[in-house]
Amino acid sequence: MCSFAGSNKLIKASVIAIGTASAVMVHPREVFWEAIKCNATAIAVAHNHPSGVSEPSLEDELMTDELCQASKIMKIPLLDHIIVTKDSYYSFYADGKIGK
């Protein structure tokens, strides 16, 4: 998770969770706690897909929805959720699923 200050300047990058080869459990509370601790004005989250498939899973979609809802309540915008593989990436923002 990356925390940003005004003008989207990166102020902190944090590891929220380390999962297994096929799953990780992350609660929005943990994500936003890191943002609150450093007084962030926005966040972006990213994770990898060791499978090499950059398309989001159903779990990725659900987590993004939860983070978007929490973002609105906390008034800390979620700028993007990015999935990274060895050869590609997927951006929820670029795909129009966040912030547009």
C-alpha atoms as a PDB file:
ATOM      1  CA  MET A   1       0.000   0.000   0.000  1.00  0.00           C
ATOM      2  CA  CYS A   2       1.271   3.481  -0.837  1.00  0.00           C
ATOM      3  CA  SER A   3       0.241   6.576   1.072  1.00  0.00           C
ATOM      4  CA  PHE A   4       0.209   9.975  -0.580  1.00  0.00           C
ATOM      5  CA  ALA A   5       0.185  13.598   0.590  1.00  0.00           C
ATOM      6  CA  GLY A   6      -0.928  16.670  -1.343  1.00  0.00           C
ATOM      7  CA  SER A   7      -0.369  16.562  -5.122  1.00  0.00           C
ATOM      8  CA  ASN A   8      -0.163  12.767  -4.804  1.00  0.00           C
ATOM      9  CA  LYS A   9       3.396  12.877  -3.491  1.00  0.00           C
ATOM     10  CA  LEU A  10       4.402   9.458  -2.138  1.00  0.00           C
ATOM     11  CA  ILE A  11       5.014   9.663   1.594  1.00  0.00           C
ATOM     12  CA  LYS A  12       5.132   5.985   2.559  1.00  0.00           C
ATOM     13  CA  ALA A  13       5.009   2.484   1.065  1.00  0.00           C
ATOM     14  CA  SER A  14       3.830  -0.235   3.443  1.00  0.00           C
ATOM     15  CA  VAL A  15       3.562  -4.019   3.315  1.00  0.00           C
ATOM     16  CA  ILE A  16       0.122  -4.817   4.724  1.00  0.00           C
ATOM     17  CA  ALA A  17       0.089  -8.609   4.322  1.00  0.00           C
ATOM     18  CA  ILE A  18       2.101 -11.479   2.908  1.00  0.00           C
ATOM     19  CA  GLY A  19       0.030 -14.302   1.521  1.00  0.00           C
ATOM     20  CA  THR A  20       0.545 -17.775   0.186  1.00  0.00           C
ATOM     21  CA  ALA A  21       0.948 -18.711  -3.472  1.00  0.00           C
ATOM     22  CA  SER A  22      -2.832 -18.628  -3.911  1.00  0.00           C
ATOM     23  CA  ALA A  23      -4.382 -16.313  -1.313  1.00  0.00           C
ATOM     24  CA  VAL A  24      -3.973 -13.431   1.095  1.00  0.00           C
ATOM     25  CA  MET A  25      -6.416 -12.030   3.628  1.00  0.00           C
ATOM     26  CA  VAL A  26      -6.513  -8.234   3.926  1.00  0.00           C
ATOM     27  CA  HIS A  27      -9.078  -6.183   5.796  1.00  0.00           C
ATOM     28  CA  PRO A  28      -9.735  -2.547   4.814  1.00  0.00           C
ATOM     29  CA  ARG A  29      -9.126  -1.622   8.468  1.00  0.00           C
ATOM     30  CA  GLU A  30      -5.457  -2.643   8.096  1.00  0.00           C
ATOM     31  CA  VAL A  31      -5.050  -0.697   4.863  1.00  0.00           C
ATOM     32  CA  PHE A  32      -6.567   2.503   6.179  1.00  0.00           C
ATOM     33  CA  TRP A  33      -4.831   2.259   9.560  1.00  0.00           C
ATOM     34  CA  GLU A  34      -1.510   2.664   7.740  1.00  0.00           C
ATOM     35  CA  ALA A  35      -2.900   5.649   5.813  1.00  0.00           C
ATOM     36  CA  ILE A  36      -4.202   7.295   8.985  1.00  0.00           C
ATOM     37  CA  LYS A  37      -0.901   6.797  10.840  1.00  0.00           C
ATOM     38  CA  CYS A  38       0.975   8.845   8.242  1.00  0.00           C
ATOM     39  CA  ASN A  39      -1.821  11.372   7.660  1.00  0.00           C
ATOM     40  CA  ALA A  40      -2.239  10.323   4.020  1.00  0.00           C
ATOM     41  CA  THR A  41      -4.604  12.223   1.751  1.00  0.00           C
ATOM     42  CA  ALA A  42      -4.926   9.283  -0.698  1.00  0.00           C
ATOM     43  CA  ILE A  43      -3.782   5.671  -1.138  1.00  0.00           C
ATOM     44  CA  ALA A  44      -3.036   3.124  -3.845  1.00  0.00           C
ATOM     45  CA  VAL A  45      -2.766  -0.616  -3.337  1.00  0.00           C
ATOM     46  CA  ALA A  46      -0.939  -3.267  -5.323  1.00  0.00           C
ATOM     47  CA  HIS A  47      -0.348  -6.981  -5.173  1.00  0.00           C
ATOM     48  CA  ASN A  48       1.158  -9.657  -7.352  1.00  0.00           C
ATOM     49  CA  HIS A  49      -0.313 -12.657  -9.135  1.00  0.00           C
ATOM     50  CA  PRO A  50       2.392 -15.350  -9.204  1.00  0.00           C
ATOM     51  CA  SER A  51       0.262 -17.243 -11.747  1.00  0.00           C
ATOM     52  CA  GLY A  52       1.211 -14.675 -14.398  1.00  0.00           C
ATOM     53  CA  VAL A  53      -2.443 -13.814 -15.075  1.00  0.00           C
ATOM     54  CA  SER A  54      -2.961 -10.096 -14.497  1.00  0.00           C
ATOM     55  CA  GLU A  55      -6.764 -10.109 -14.801  1.00  0.00           C
ATOM     56  CA  PRO A  56      -8.463  -9.597 -11.414  1.00  0.00           C
ATOM     57  CA  SER A  57     -10.073 -12.548  -9.682  1.00  0.00           C
ATOM     58  CA  LEU A  58     -13.522 -12.335  -8.101  1.00  0.00           C
ATOM     59  CA  GLU A  59     -11.753 -11.890  -4.747  1.00  0.00           C
ATOM     60  CA  ASP A  60      -9.744  -8.975  -6.193  1.00  0.00           C
ATOM     61  CA  GLU A  61     -12.954  -7.346  -7.427  1.00  0.00           C
ATOM     62  CA  LEU A  62     -14.653  -7.795  -4.037  1.00  0.00           C
ATOM     63  CA  MET A  63     -11.639  -6.429  -2.144  1.00  0.00           C
ATOM     64  CA  THR A  64     -11.510  -3.412  -4.441  1.00  0.00           C
ATOM     65  CA  ASP A  65     -15.208  -2.755  -3.839  1.00  0.00           C
ATOM     66  CA  GLU A  66     -14.651  -2.950  -0.062  1.00  0.00           C
ATOM     67  CA  LEU A  67     -11.671  -0.599  -0.277  1.00  0.00           C
ATOM     68  CA  CYS A  68     -13.686   1.860  -2.387  1.00  0.00           C
ATOM     69  CA  GLN A  69     -16.517   1.855   0.162  1.00  0.00           C
ATOM     70  CA  ALA A  70     -14.097   2.353   3.061  1.00  0.00           C
ATOM     71  CA  SER A  71     -12.318   5.055   1.078  1.00  0.00           C
ATOM     72  CA  LYS A  72     -15.522   7.068   0.795  1.00  0.00           C
ATOM     73  CA  ILE A  73     -16.286   6.710   4.499  1.00  0.00           C
ATOM     74  CA  MET A  74     -12.730   7.608   5.531  1.00  0.00           C
ATOM     75  CA  LYS A  75     -12.486  10.451   2.975  1.00  0.00           C
ATOM     76  CA  ILE A  76      -9.135   9.035   1.842  1.00  0.00           C
ATOM     77  CA  PRO A  77      -9.411   8.403  -1.910  1.00  0.00           C
ATOM     78  CA  LEU A  78      -8.310   5.082  -3.357  1.00  0.00           C
ATOM     79  CA  LEU A  79      -6.337   6.133  -6.436  1.00  0.00           C
ATOM     80  CA  ASP A  80      -5.759   2.664  -7.862  1.00  0.00           C
ATOM     81  CA  HIS A  81      -5.520  -1.057  -7.200  1.00  0.00           C
ATOM     82  CA  ILE A  82      -2.825  -2.596  -9.364  1.00  0.00           C
ATOM     83  CA  ILE A  83      -2.184  -6.281  -9.992  1.00  0.00           C
ATOM     84  CA  VAL A  84       1.378  -7.051 -11.076  1.00  0.00           C
ATOM     85  CA  THR A  85       2.747 -10.129 -12.833  1.00  0.00           C
ATOM     86  CA  LYS A  86       6.179 -10.890 -14.207  1.00  0.00           C
ATOM     87  CA  ASP A  87       5.216  -9.647 -17.679  1.00  0.00           C
ATOM     88  CA  SER A  88       2.191  -7.385 -17.263  1.00  0.00           C
ATOM     89  CA  TYR A  89      -0.095  -5.512 -14.926  1.00  0.00           C
ATOM     90  CA  TYR A  90      -3.760  -4.622 -14.479  1.00  0.00           C
ATOM     91  CA  SER A  91      -4.986  -1.249 -13.210  1.00  0.00           C
ATOM     92  CA  PHE A  92      -8.512  -0.891 -11.833  1.00  0.00           C
ATOM     93  CA  TYR A  93      -8.206   2.863 -12.477  1.00  0.00           C
ATOM     94  CA  ALA A  94      -7.147   2.457 -16.117  1.00  0.00           C
ATOM     95  CA  ASP A  95     -10.009   0.005 -16.621  1.00  0.00           C
ATOM     96  CA  GLY A  96     -12.488   2.619 -15.300  1.00  0.00           C
ATOM     97  CA  LYS A  97     -13.403   0.663 -12.168  1.00  0.00           C
ATOM     98  CA  ILE A  98     -11.971   3.200  -9.690  1.00  0.00           C
ATOM     99  CA  GLY A  99     -12.077   6.954  -9.515  1.00  0.00           C
ATOM    100  CA  LYS A 100     -13.440   7.929 -12.874  1.00  0.00           C
END
